[in-house]
Amino acid sequence: MTATAIEATGLGLAYGKRGRRALHDCSFRIPVGRVCALAGPNGAGKSTLLALAAGLLRPGDGALRVLGGTPSDVRARLAYVAQDKPLYPQLTVRETLRLGRELNPGRWDATVAERIVEEGGLDPRARIRGLSGGQRTRVALALALGKRPELMLLDEPMADLDPLARHRLMAALMTEAADHGTTIVISSHILSELETTCDYVLLVDGGRVRLAGETEDLIAAHTLLTGPVADLPDHTVVESRTTGRQLTALVRGSRAVGGGWQAARPSLEELLMAHLRSPDAPALLTPSAEVAAA
């Protein structure tokens, strides 16, 4: 079996006095070297999962292994960029990168960190508190990439960037993954962009894993059917919608259907949205995402 970046077994966590479940009985694995899209609606448990993998939270139930150890054991080998991108506001950009070097002796790559900053046109003398949200994002990603991590955990990192900056930074991340075999887990609401950059998917909804595995395999496991309003008794229907006399259904499997039905390959966005709109649809994990029985 391919080496594992993250493996969860029965993972669960509840918040507050009432025990609101952020995650419940999550079991999955993400192999090393993947660029994994962590998708799901607000409140689904994505940020909680990333914080657990970064060692900032401890599981309430189950177990979580990261790079073969506990999150606290491997913290030096991973980089985590939170949504709020906490940086020291009184430091300059140059001082922030110097701090990154001092905190990561022996691992720091000043060339890549400085390139990310320079490509954004940032003044090294500018203080963090005076930067825009997108500029702070660039500095946070420069710190993460400069650390040369084996695993990068990115929580909505591109939300405050314009499309061109988003495209350029995603390209930098993809280059990192390709050149150094870095595993990247990135949460995002921009589903259309994930299809062109991510080769692995983890869909979380309601604190549970709904889909997990290779992007291509998950898409290939479904078919988008369009045809007359009729039952599909031989198919597992994830979602169906009727418009006039026409039915559109996302079904599990790729078996041919006659009777005037047209079959098409769904996009990743169509696949994820259909599962999110149909919370009772059965979960699907490809073999690489399944946790081996003890």
Protein backbone atom coordinates (compact mmCIF):
# COMPACT_ATOMS: atom_id res chain seq x y z
CA MET A 1 0.00 0.00 0.00
CA THR A 2 1.16 3.52 -0.81
CA ALA A 3 2.53 5.49 2.13
CA THR A 4 -0.13 7.44 3.99
CA ALA A 5 -0.15 11.18 4.66
CA ILE A 6 -3.30 11.26 6.81
CA GLU A 7 -5.31 8.35 8.20
CA ALA A 8 -8.40 8.70 10.39
CA THR A 9 -10.18 5.83 12.11
CA GLY A 10 -13.55 6.51 13.75
CA LEU A 11 -12.48 10.14 14.18
CA GLY A 12 -14.89 12.34 16.11
CA LEU A 13 -14.96 15.63 17.98
CA ALA A 14 -17.71 17.51 19.82
CA TYR A 15 -17.75 21.16 20.86
CA GLY A 16 -19.33 22.99 23.77
CA LYS A 17 -21.47 21.94 26.72
CA ARG A 18 -24.17 20.55 24.46
CA GLY A 19 -21.67 18.40 22.62
CA ARG A 20 -22.33 19.64 19.09
CA ARG A 21 -20.60 17.14 16.80
CA ALA A 22 -18.13 18.76 14.44
CA LEU A 23 -16.95 15.35 13.19
CA HIS A 24 -18.51 11.96 13.71
CA ASP A 25 -17.07 8.49 12.99
CA CYS A 26 -14.82 9.61 10.12
CA SER A 27 -12.59 6.92 8.62
CA PHE A 28 -10.46 7.62 5.55
CA ARG A 29 -6.89 7.85 4.30
CA ILE A 30 -5.04 10.25 2.01
CA PRO A 31 -1.94 8.77 0.33
CA VAL A 32 1.36 10.62 0.26
CA GLY A 33 1.99 12.86 -2.75
CA ARG A 34 -1.63 13.75 -3.50
CA VAL A 35 -3.14 17.18 -3.99
CA CYS A 36 -6.39 16.69 -2.11
CA ALA A 37 -9.45 18.94 -2.32
CA LEU A 38 -11.23 19.11 1.03
CA ALA A 39 -14.75 20.13 0.06
CA GLY A 40 -17.98 20.74 1.92
CA PRO A 41 -20.35 23.51 3.05
CA ASN A 42 -19.69 25.92 5.91
CA GLY A 43 -19.90 24.10 9.24
CA ALA A 44 -19.24 20.71 7.65
CA GLY A 45 -16.13 20.06 9.76
CA LYS A 46 -13.40 20.95 7.25
CA SER A 47 -11.58 23.47 9.46
CA THR A 48 -11.88 21.13 12.44
CA LEU A 49 -10.34 18.28 10.45
CA LEU A 50 -7.41 20.43 9.33
CA ALA A 51 -6.83 21.73 12.88
CA LEU A 52 -6.80 18.13 14.15
CA ALA A 53 -4.27 17.12 11.51
CA ALA A 54 -2.12 20.13 12.44
CA GLY A 55 -2.15 19.09 16.10
CA LEU A 56 -4.06 22.18 17.27
CA LEU A 57 -7.00 20.08 18.47
CA ARG A 58 -7.19 16.63 19.98
CA PRO A 59 -9.74 14.02 18.86
CA GLY A 60 -12.65 13.27 21.13
CA ASP A 61 -13.10 9.83 19.57
CA GLY A 62 -11.10 7.56 17.32
CA ALA A 63 -7.55 8.05 16.10
CA LEU A 64 -5.67 10.24 13.64
CA ARG A 65 -2.24 9.46 12.18
CA VAL A 66 -0.26 12.03 10.20
CA LEU A 67 2.86 11.05 8.22
CA GLY A 68 3.00 7.85 10.22
CA GLY A 69 2.92 9.50 13.66
CA THR A 70 0.78 11.68 15.86
CA PRO A 71 0.27 15.28 14.70
CA SER A 72 2.39 16.59 17.57
CA ASP A 73 5.24 14.20 16.67
CA VAL A 74 5.48 15.40 13.06
CA ARG A 75 4.72 19.11 13.45
CA ALA A 76 8.13 20.07 12.06
CA ARG A 77 7.32 18.18 8.85
CA LEU A 78 4.03 19.90 8.09
CA ALA A 79 2.80 23.42 7.42
CA TYR A 80 -0.64 24.75 8.29
CA VAL A 81 -2.26 27.94 7.01
CA ALA A 82 -5.45 28.81 8.88
CA GLN A 83 -8.32 30.90 7.48
CA ASP A 84 -7.37 33.95 9.54
CA LYS A 85 -3.67 33.58 8.64
CA PRO A 86 -2.26 34.66 12.03
CA LEU A 87 0.94 36.66 11.63
CA TYR A 88 2.74 39.09 13.94
CA PRO A 89 1.28 42.48 12.89
CA GLN A 90 4.22 44.53 14.22
CA LEU A 91 6.81 42.69 12.10
CA THR A 92 7.78 43.65 8.58
CA VAL A 93 7.59 41.20 5.69
CA ARG A 94 11.37 40.78 5.79
CA GLU A 95 11.33 40.17 9.57
CA THR A 96 8.52 37.64 9.17
CA LEU A 97 10.54 35.61 6.68
CA ARG A 98 13.61 35.86 8.93
CA LEU A 99 11.50 34.47 11.78
CA GLY A 100 10.45 31.60 9.52
CA ARG A 101 14.11 30.82 8.88
CA GLU A 102 14.97 30.90 12.59
CA LEU A 103 12.04 28.64 13.51
CA ASN A 104 12.90 26.08 10.83
CA PRO A 105 16.68 25.59 10.97
CA GLY A 106 17.98 23.15 8.41
CA ARG A 107 14.71 23.10 6.44
CA TRP A 108 14.19 26.71 5.41
CA ASP A 109 14.23 27.52 1.69
CA ALA A 110 14.73 31.29 1.51
CA THR A 111 14.65 31.30 -2.29
CA VAL A 112 11.10 29.98 -2.61
CA ALA A 113 9.78 32.12 0.27
CA GLU A 114 11.28 35.30 -1.14
CA ARG A 115 10.03 34.49 -4.65
CA ILE A 116 6.43 34.17 -3.44
CA VAL A 117 6.70 37.57 -1.75
CA GLU A 118 8.43 39.25 -4.71
CA GLU A 119 5.88 37.95 -7.21
CA GLY A 120 3.20 39.76 -5.23
CA GLY A 121 5.10 43.05 -5.44
CA LEU A 122 5.34 43.31 -1.65
CA ASP A 123 7.72 45.77 -0.04
CA PRO A 124 9.95 43.76 2.35
CA ARG A 125 9.91 46.77 4.70
CA ALA A 126 6.10 46.90 4.92
CA ARG A 127 4.59 45.91 8.26
CA ILE A 128 2.12 43.02 8.31
CA ARG A 129 -0.60 45.18 9.90
CA GLY A 130 -0.54 47.46 6.87
CA LEU A 131 -1.06 44.69 4.30
CA SER A 132 -4.32 43.81 2.62
CA GLY A 133 -5.95 40.43 3.21
CA GLY A 134 -4.60 39.08 -0.06
CA GLN A 135 -1.09 40.31 0.72
CA ARG A 136 -1.17 38.64 4.14
CA THR A 137 -2.25 35.45 2.39
CA ARG A 138 0.82 35.64 0.17
CA VAL A 139 3.13 36.09 3.18
CA ALA A 140 1.48 33.17 5.00
CA LEU A 141 1.92 30.92 1.96
CA ALA A 142 5.53 32.09 1.60
CA LEU A 143 6.15 30.93 5.18
CA ALA A 144 4.45 27.60 4.51
CA LEU A 145 6.35 26.92 1.29
CA GLY A 146 9.65 28.15 2.73
CA LYS A 147 9.39 25.51 5.43
CA ARG A 148 9.67 22.82 2.73
CA PRO A 149 7.02 20.67 4.44
CA GLU A 150 6.12 17.12 3.54
CA LEU A 151 2.45 17.95 4.14
CA MET A 152 0.69 21.28 3.62
CA LEU A 153 -2.72 21.89 5.27
CA LEU A 154 -4.44 24.93 3.74
CA ASP A 155 -7.78 26.19 5.06
CA GLU A 156 -9.50 28.37 2.42
CA PRO A 157 -6.15 29.99 1.56
CA MET A 158 -7.27 31.77 -1.61
CA ALA A 159 -10.59 33.24 -0.45
CA ASP A 160 -9.36 36.85 -0.33
CA LEU A 161 -7.31 36.80 -3.54
CA ASP A 162 -8.33 38.07 -6.95
CA PRO A 163 -8.59 35.43 -9.74
CA LEU A 164 -5.16 36.18 -11.25
CA ALA A 165 -3.36 36.02 -7.89
CA ARG A 166 -5.28 32.84 -7.06
CA HIS A 167 -4.19 31.26 -10.34
CA ARG A 168 -0.53 32.18 -9.81
CA LEU A 169 -0.36 30.94 -6.24
CA MET A 170 -2.15 27.70 -7.14
CA ALA A 171 0.47 27.22 -9.86
CA ALA A 172 3.21 27.69 -7.25
CA LEU A 173 1.56 25.09 -5.04
CA MET A 174 1.26 22.63 -7.92
CA THR A 175 4.93 23.15 -8.78
CA GLU A 176 5.81 22.41 -5.14
CA ALA A 177 3.79 19.21 -5.20
CA ALA A 178 5.30 18.08 -8.50
CA ASP A 179 8.94 18.96 -7.74
CA HIS A 180 9.12 17.77 -4.14
CA GLY A 181 6.30 15.22 -3.76
CA THR A 182 4.60 17.43 -1.19
CA THR A 183 1.15 16.29 -0.08
CA ILE A 184 -1.32 19.18 -0.14
CA VAL A 185 -4.76 19.20 1.47
CA ILE A 186 -6.64 22.35 0.52
CA SER A 187 -10.16 23.35 1.49
CA SER A 188 -12.03 25.64 -0.88
CA HIS A 189 -15.51 26.72 -1.95
CA ILE A 190 -14.35 27.33 -5.52
CA LEU A 191 -15.25 23.86 -6.77
CA SER A 192 -14.59 24.55 -10.44
CA GLU A 193 -10.92 25.35 -9.74
CA LEU A 194 -10.39 22.20 -7.71
CA GLU A 195 -11.09 19.93 -10.68
CA THR A 196 -8.12 21.26 -12.65
CA THR A 197 -5.65 21.22 -9.75
CA CYS A 198 -6.54 18.37 -7.38
CA ASP A 199 -6.14 14.66 -8.06
CA TYR A 200 -7.82 13.55 -4.81
CA VAL A 201 -11.08 14.52 -3.11
CA LEU A 202 -12.41 14.37 0.43
CA LEU A 203 -16.02 15.56 0.71
CA VAL A 204 -17.22 16.21 4.26
CA ASP A 205 -20.80 17.12 5.11
CA GLY A 206 -22.51 17.13 8.49
CA GLY A 207 -19.30 15.98 10.14
CA ARG A 208 -19.15 12.79 8.05
CA VAL A 209 -17.13 11.67 5.04
CA ARG A 210 -19.36 11.43 1.95
CA LEU A 211 -16.79 10.89 -0.82
CA ALA A 212 -13.08 10.11 -0.73
CA GLY A 213 -10.57 9.00 -3.32
CA GLU A 214 -9.02 9.80 -6.68
CA THR A 215 -10.87 12.54 -8.54
CA GLU A 216 -10.94 10.57 -11.80
CA ASP A 217 -12.17 7.38 -10.13
CA LEU A 218 -14.96 9.14 -8.27
CA ILE A 219 -16.14 10.89 -11.43
CA ALA A 220 -15.91 7.65 -13.42
CA ALA A 221 -18.06 5.92 -10.81
CA HIS A 222 -21.02 8.18 -11.68
CA THR A 223 -23.07 8.97 -14.77
CA LEU A 224 -25.27 11.97 -15.51
CA LEU A 225 -28.45 10.76 -17.23
CA THR A 226 -30.99 12.92 -19.05
CA GLY A 227 -34.22 11.55 -20.46
CA PRO A 228 -37.96 11.01 -20.00
CA VAL A 229 -39.48 11.18 -16.54
CA ALA A 230 -39.27 7.57 -15.43
CA ASP A 231 -37.97 5.37 -12.64
CA LEU A 232 -34.43 4.04 -12.73
CA PRO A 233 -34.92 0.84 -10.73
CA ASP A 234 -31.56 -0.71 -11.64
CA HIS A 235 -29.46 2.26 -10.58
CA THR A 236 -28.40 3.83 -7.32
CA VAL A 237 -29.70 7.36 -7.78
CA VAL A 238 -27.69 10.04 -5.98
CA GLU A 239 -29.92 12.91 -7.10
CA SER A 240 -32.71 13.42 -9.61
CA ARG A 241 -34.42 16.61 -10.76
CA THR A 242 -37.41 17.05 -13.06
CA THR A 243 -37.82 19.94 -15.50
CA GLY A 244 -41.07 19.69 -17.41
CA ARG A 245 -41.08 16.27 -19.09
CA GLN A 246 -37.36 15.72 -18.67
CA LEU A 247 -35.52 14.07 -15.83
CA THR A 248 -31.85 14.65 -14.99
CA ALA A 249 -30.30 12.14 -12.61
CA LEU A 250 -26.83 11.50 -11.25
CA VAL A 251 -26.49 7.76 -10.77
CA ARG A 252 -23.82 5.48 -9.39
CA GLY A 253 -22.17 3.40 -12.10
CA SER A 254 -21.55 3.70 -15.84
CA ARG A 255 -23.89 1.03 -17.20
CA ALA A 256 -25.53 1.90 -20.55
CA VAL A 257 -29.20 2.90 -20.45
CA GLY A 258 -31.58 2.68 -23.42
CA GLY A 259 -35.04 4.11 -23.84
CA GLY A 260 -34.05 7.56 -25.00
CA TRP A 261 -31.66 8.30 -22.14
CA GLN A 262 -28.55 10.36 -22.80
CA ALA A 263 -25.48 9.62 -20.68
CA ALA A 264 -22.72 12.12 -19.89
CA ARG A 265 -19.69 12.36 -17.65
CA PRO A 266 -20.35 14.67 -14.69
CA SER A 267 -17.91 17.41 -13.77
CA LEU A 268 -16.38 17.36 -10.31
CA GLU A 269 -18.56 20.34 -9.36
CA GLU A 270 -21.72 18.54 -10.52
CA LEU A 271 -20.70 15.43 -8.58
CA LEU A 272 -19.98 17.27 -5.34
CA MET A 273 -23.07 19.48 -5.53
CA ALA A 274 -25.34 16.50 -6.18
CA HIS A 275 -24.02 14.71 -3.10
CA LEU A 276 -24.36 17.86 -0.99
CA ARG A 277 -27.98 18.30 -2.11
CA SER A 278 -28.69 14.64 -1.32
CA PRO A 279 -27.46 13.96 2.23
CA ASP A 280 -29.03 10.48 2.27
CA ALA A 281 -27.07 9.29 -0.77
CA PRO A 282 -24.67 6.45 0.09
CA ALA A 283 -21.07 7.38 0.78
CA LEU A 284 -18.34 6.21 -1.59
CA LEU A 285 -14.64 5.67 -0.86
CA THR A 286 -12.25 4.36 -3.49
CA PRO A 287 -9.88 1.57 -2.38
CA SER A 288 -6.97 3.98 -1.79
CA ALA A 289 -9.12 6.02 0.62
CA GLU A 290 -10.32 3.07 2.68
CA VAL A 291 -8.72 2.34 6.04
CA ALA A 292 -7.37 -1.20 6.27
CA ALA A 293 -9.06 -3.39 8.87
CA ALA A 294 -7.04 -3.88 12.03
